[in-house]
Amino acid sequence: MEYKLVITHPAKRELDRLDPVVKKAIKKKVQHYMTSPIRNAKKLHDSNIGSYRWRVGNYRVVFDVEKDVITVVKISHRSDAYKNY
């Protein structure tokens, strides 16, 4: 099953600020995880930020899954990933 990907405006803005090499790695990993997002993710304890996260090097992609839609809510360095907006 292929999921639809939605990137929130804040996450898109964070992605656009990243180094091109890091940005490419994140996009590649996200595409790889699209077929089974939960199996490749870690559940977060604090659901105020998001429900799950993927690790891409030193960066974290925080997202929610609802039916067949993955909503990326935050992309940031691991030191800032779990801080609220």
N, C-alpha and C. Protein backbone atom coordinates (compact mmCIF):
# COMPACT_ATOMS: atom_id res chain seq x y z
N MET A 1 0.84 -1.19 0.00
CA MET A 1 0.00 0.00 0.00
C MET A 1 0.88 1.25 0.00
N GLU A 2 0.63 2.12 -0.91
CA GLU A 2 1.38 3.37 -1.00
C GLU A 2 0.61 4.47 -0.27
N TYR A 3 1.29 5.18 0.58
CA TYR A 3 0.69 6.26 1.34
C TYR A 3 0.87 7.58 0.62
N LYS A 4 -0.04 8.50 0.88
CA LYS A 4 0.07 9.85 0.35
C LYS A 4 0.89 10.67 1.36
N LEU A 5 1.79 11.50 0.87
CA LEU A 5 2.66 12.29 1.74
C LEU A 5 2.21 13.74 1.74
N VAL A 6 2.01 14.29 2.94
CA VAL A 6 1.69 15.70 3.12
C VAL A 6 2.75 16.29 4.04
N ILE A 7 3.35 17.40 3.61
CA ILE A 7 4.36 18.07 4.42
C ILE A 7 3.80 19.41 4.85
N THR A 8 3.74 19.64 6.16
CA THR A 8 3.20 20.90 6.65
C THR A 8 4.13 22.05 6.27
N HIS A 9 3.59 23.24 6.30
CA HIS A 9 4.37 24.43 5.92
C HIS A 9 5.61 24.60 6.80
N PRO A 10 5.51 24.47 8.13
CA PRO A 10 6.73 24.58 8.96
C PRO A 10 7.78 23.52 8.63
N ALA A 11 7.35 22.29 8.36
CA ALA A 11 8.29 21.22 8.01
C ALA A 11 8.95 21.50 6.67
N LYS A 12 8.18 22.00 5.71
CA LYS A 12 8.73 22.34 4.40
C LYS A 12 9.76 23.46 4.52
N ARG A 13 9.46 24.43 5.36
CA ARG A 13 10.38 25.56 5.58
C ARG A 13 11.68 25.04 6.21
N GLU A 14 11.58 24.13 7.17
CA GLU A 14 12.76 23.55 7.80
C GLU A 14 13.57 22.74 6.79
N LEU A 15 12.89 21.99 5.93
CA LEU A 15 13.57 21.19 4.92
C LEU A 15 14.31 22.08 3.92
N ASP A 16 13.68 23.18 3.52
CA ASP A 16 14.30 24.10 2.56
C ASP A 16 15.57 24.75 3.11
N ARG A 17 15.69 24.88 4.41
CA ARG A 17 16.87 25.51 5.03
C ARG A 17 18.07 24.57 5.14
N LEU A 18 17.85 23.29 4.94
CA LEU A 18 18.93 22.33 5.14
C LEU A 18 19.92 22.32 3.99
N ASP A 19 21.10 21.78 4.29
CA ASP A 19 22.14 21.57 3.30
C ASP A 19 21.59 20.65 2.20
N PRO A 20 21.94 20.89 0.93
CA PRO A 20 21.41 20.05 -0.16
C PRO A 20 21.69 18.56 0.00
N VAL A 21 22.83 18.19 0.56
CA VAL A 21 23.15 16.78 0.75
C VAL A 21 22.22 16.15 1.78
N VAL A 22 21.98 16.86 2.87
CA VAL A 22 21.07 16.38 3.92
C VAL A 22 19.65 16.31 3.40
N LYS A 23 19.25 17.32 2.66
CA LYS A 23 17.90 17.37 2.09
C LYS A 23 17.67 16.17 1.17
N LYS A 24 18.64 15.85 0.34
CA LYS A 24 18.52 14.72 -0.57
C LYS A 24 18.40 13.40 0.20
N ALA A 25 19.20 13.26 1.27
CA ALA A 25 19.15 12.04 2.09
C ALA A 25 17.79 11.88 2.75
N ILE A 26 17.24 12.97 3.25
CA ILE A 26 15.92 12.92 3.90
C ILE A 26 14.85 12.53 2.89
N LYS A 27 14.87 13.16 1.72
CA LYS A 27 13.87 12.84 0.69
C LYS A 27 13.97 11.38 0.26
N LYS A 28 15.18 10.87 0.13
CA LYS A 28 15.38 9.48 -0.27
C LYS A 28 14.83 8.52 0.78
N LYS A 29 15.12 8.79 2.06
CA LYS A 29 14.63 7.93 3.15
C LYS A 29 13.11 7.96 3.24
N VAL A 30 12.53 9.15 3.13
CA VAL A 30 11.08 9.27 3.22
C VAL A 30 10.43 8.47 2.10
N GLN A 31 10.95 8.56 0.89
CA GLN A 31 10.41 7.77 -0.22
C GLN A 31 10.53 6.27 0.05
N HIS A 32 11.64 5.88 0.65
CA HIS A 32 11.85 4.47 0.98
C HIS A 32 10.84 3.97 2.03
N TYR A 33 10.49 4.82 2.98
CA TYR A 33 9.59 4.45 4.07
C TYR A 33 8.11 4.57 3.71
N MET A 34 7.77 5.05 2.53
CA MET A 34 6.38 5.31 2.17
C MET A 34 5.50 4.05 2.13
N THR A 35 6.07 2.90 1.87
CA THR A 35 5.24 1.69 1.76
C THR A 35 4.87 1.11 3.12
N SER A 36 5.74 1.29 4.12
CA SER A 36 5.43 0.79 5.47
C SER A 36 5.99 1.76 6.50
N PRO A 37 5.32 2.88 6.68
CA PRO A 37 5.86 3.93 7.55
C PRO A 37 5.96 3.55 9.02
N ILE A 38 5.02 2.81 9.53
CA ILE A 38 5.01 2.49 10.96
C ILE A 38 6.09 1.46 11.31
N ARG A 39 6.29 0.51 10.45
CA ARG A 39 7.28 -0.53 10.70
C ARG A 39 8.69 0.06 10.82
N ASN A 40 8.96 1.12 10.09
CA ASN A 40 10.27 1.74 10.08
C ASN A 40 10.39 2.91 11.05
N ALA A 41 9.37 3.17 11.84
CA ALA A 41 9.34 4.35 12.70
C ALA A 41 9.42 3.98 14.17
N LYS A 42 9.71 4.98 14.96
CA LYS A 42 9.70 4.82 16.41
C LYS A 42 8.56 5.67 16.95
N LYS A 43 7.75 5.09 17.82
CA LYS A 43 6.63 5.82 18.42
C LYS A 43 7.15 6.82 19.44
N LEU A 44 6.61 8.03 19.41
CA LEU A 44 7.03 9.07 20.35
C LEU A 44 6.15 9.06 21.58
N HIS A 45 6.74 9.35 22.72
CA HIS A 45 5.99 9.41 23.98
C HIS A 45 5.15 10.67 24.06
N ASP A 46 5.68 11.79 23.56
CA ASP A 46 4.98 13.07 23.60
C ASP A 46 4.25 13.28 22.28
N SER A 47 2.96 13.03 22.26
CA SER A 47 2.20 13.14 21.02
C SER A 47 1.85 14.58 20.66
N ASN A 48 2.28 15.56 21.47
CA ASN A 48 2.05 16.96 21.12
C ASN A 48 2.87 17.36 19.91
N ILE A 49 4.01 16.74 19.73
CA ILE A 49 4.88 17.05 18.59
C ILE A 49 4.42 16.26 17.37
N GLY A 50 4.21 15.00 17.53
CA GLY A 50 3.81 14.09 16.47
C GLY A 50 3.72 12.69 17.05
N SER A 51 3.26 11.74 16.28
CA SER A 51 3.08 10.39 16.79
C SER A 51 4.30 9.50 16.61
N TYR A 52 5.02 9.70 15.50
CA TYR A 52 6.15 8.84 15.16
C TYR A 52 7.32 9.67 14.65
N ARG A 53 8.49 9.00 14.55
CA ARG A 53 9.64 9.67 13.95
C ARG A 53 10.49 8.67 13.19
N TRP A 54 11.13 9.19 12.15
CA TRP A 54 12.14 8.45 11.41
C TRP A 54 13.48 9.10 11.71
N ARG A 55 14.50 8.31 11.77
CA ARG A 55 15.86 8.81 11.97
C ARG A 55 16.55 8.82 10.60
N VAL A 56 17.10 9.97 10.25
CA VAL A 56 17.87 10.11 9.01
C VAL A 56 19.18 10.78 9.39
N GLY A 57 20.18 9.98 9.71
CA GLY A 57 21.46 10.53 10.17
C GLY A 57 21.26 11.26 11.48
N ASN A 58 21.67 12.52 11.54
CA ASN A 58 21.50 13.34 12.74
C ASN A 58 20.18 14.11 12.73
N TYR A 59 19.32 13.82 11.78
CA TYR A 59 18.05 14.52 11.67
C TYR A 59 16.89 13.59 11.98
N ARG A 60 15.79 14.19 12.40
CA ARG A 60 14.58 13.44 12.73
C ARG A 60 13.42 13.99 11.92
N VAL A 61 12.63 13.10 11.39
CA VAL A 61 11.42 13.46 10.65
C VAL A 61 10.25 13.00 11.52
N VAL A 62 9.53 13.96 12.08
CA VAL A 62 8.41 13.68 12.98
C VAL A 62 7.13 13.74 12.16
N PHE A 63 6.28 12.72 12.32
CA PHE A 63 5.08 12.64 11.47
C PHE A 63 3.93 11.97 12.19
N ASP A 64 2.76 12.11 11.58
CA ASP A 64 1.54 11.43 12.01
C ASP A 64 1.04 10.59 10.84
N VAL A 65 0.33 9.51 11.14
CA VAL A 65 -0.28 8.67 10.11
C VAL A 65 -1.76 8.56 10.40
N GLU A 66 -2.56 8.82 9.38
CA GLU A 66 -4.01 8.68 9.51
C GLU A 66 -4.53 8.04 8.24
N LYS A 67 -5.06 6.85 8.35
CA LYS A 67 -5.52 6.05 7.22
C LYS A 67 -4.38 5.87 6.22
N ASP A 68 -4.46 6.48 5.05
CA ASP A 68 -3.42 6.31 4.04
C ASP A 68 -2.65 7.61 3.79
N VAL A 69 -2.59 8.49 4.79
CA VAL A 69 -1.90 9.78 4.66
C VAL A 69 -0.83 9.91 5.74
N ILE A 70 0.37 10.23 5.30
CA ILE A 70 1.47 10.53 6.22
C ILE A 70 1.63 12.04 6.22
N THR A 71 1.53 12.65 7.40
CA THR A 71 1.68 14.10 7.53
C THR A 71 2.97 14.38 8.28
N VAL A 72 3.95 14.94 7.59
CA VAL A 72 5.22 15.31 8.20
C VAL A 72 5.01 16.65 8.88
N VAL A 73 5.23 16.68 10.20
CA VAL A 73 4.98 17.90 10.96
C VAL A 73 6.26 18.63 11.35
N LYS A 74 7.39 17.92 11.35
CA LYS A 74 8.63 18.57 11.77
C LYS A 74 9.83 17.82 11.21
N ILE A 75 10.80 18.57 10.74
CA ILE A 75 12.08 18.02 10.30
C ILE A 75 13.15 18.87 10.96
N SER A 76 13.98 18.26 11.79
CA SER A 76 15.00 19.06 12.45
C SER A 76 16.16 18.20 12.94
N HIS A 77 17.21 18.87 13.34
CA HIS A 77 18.38 18.20 13.90
C HIS A 77 17.96 17.49 15.19
N ARG A 78 18.63 16.42 15.51
CA ARG A 78 18.23 15.62 16.67
C ARG A 78 18.27 16.39 17.97
N SER A 79 19.11 17.42 18.07
CA SER A 79 19.19 18.20 19.31
C SER A 79 17.95 19.07 19.50
N ASP A 80 17.24 19.39 18.42
CA ASP A 80 16.06 20.24 18.50
C ASP A 80 14.76 19.52 18.17
N ALA A 81 14.83 18.25 17.83
CA ALA A 81 13.68 17.55 17.27
C ALA A 81 12.50 17.41 18.23
N TYR A 82 12.76 17.29 19.50
CA TYR A 82 11.67 16.99 20.43
C TYR A 82 11.23 18.19 21.25
N LYS A 83 11.71 19.35 20.88
CA LYS A 83 11.25 20.58 21.53
C LYS A 83 9.98 21.04 20.83
N ASN A 84 9.04 21.59 21.60
CA ASN A 84 7.81 22.08 21.01
C ASN A 84 8.09 23.31 20.17
N TYR A 85 7.14 23.63 19.32
CA TYR A 85 7.31 24.75 18.40
C TYR A 85 7.58 26.03 19.11
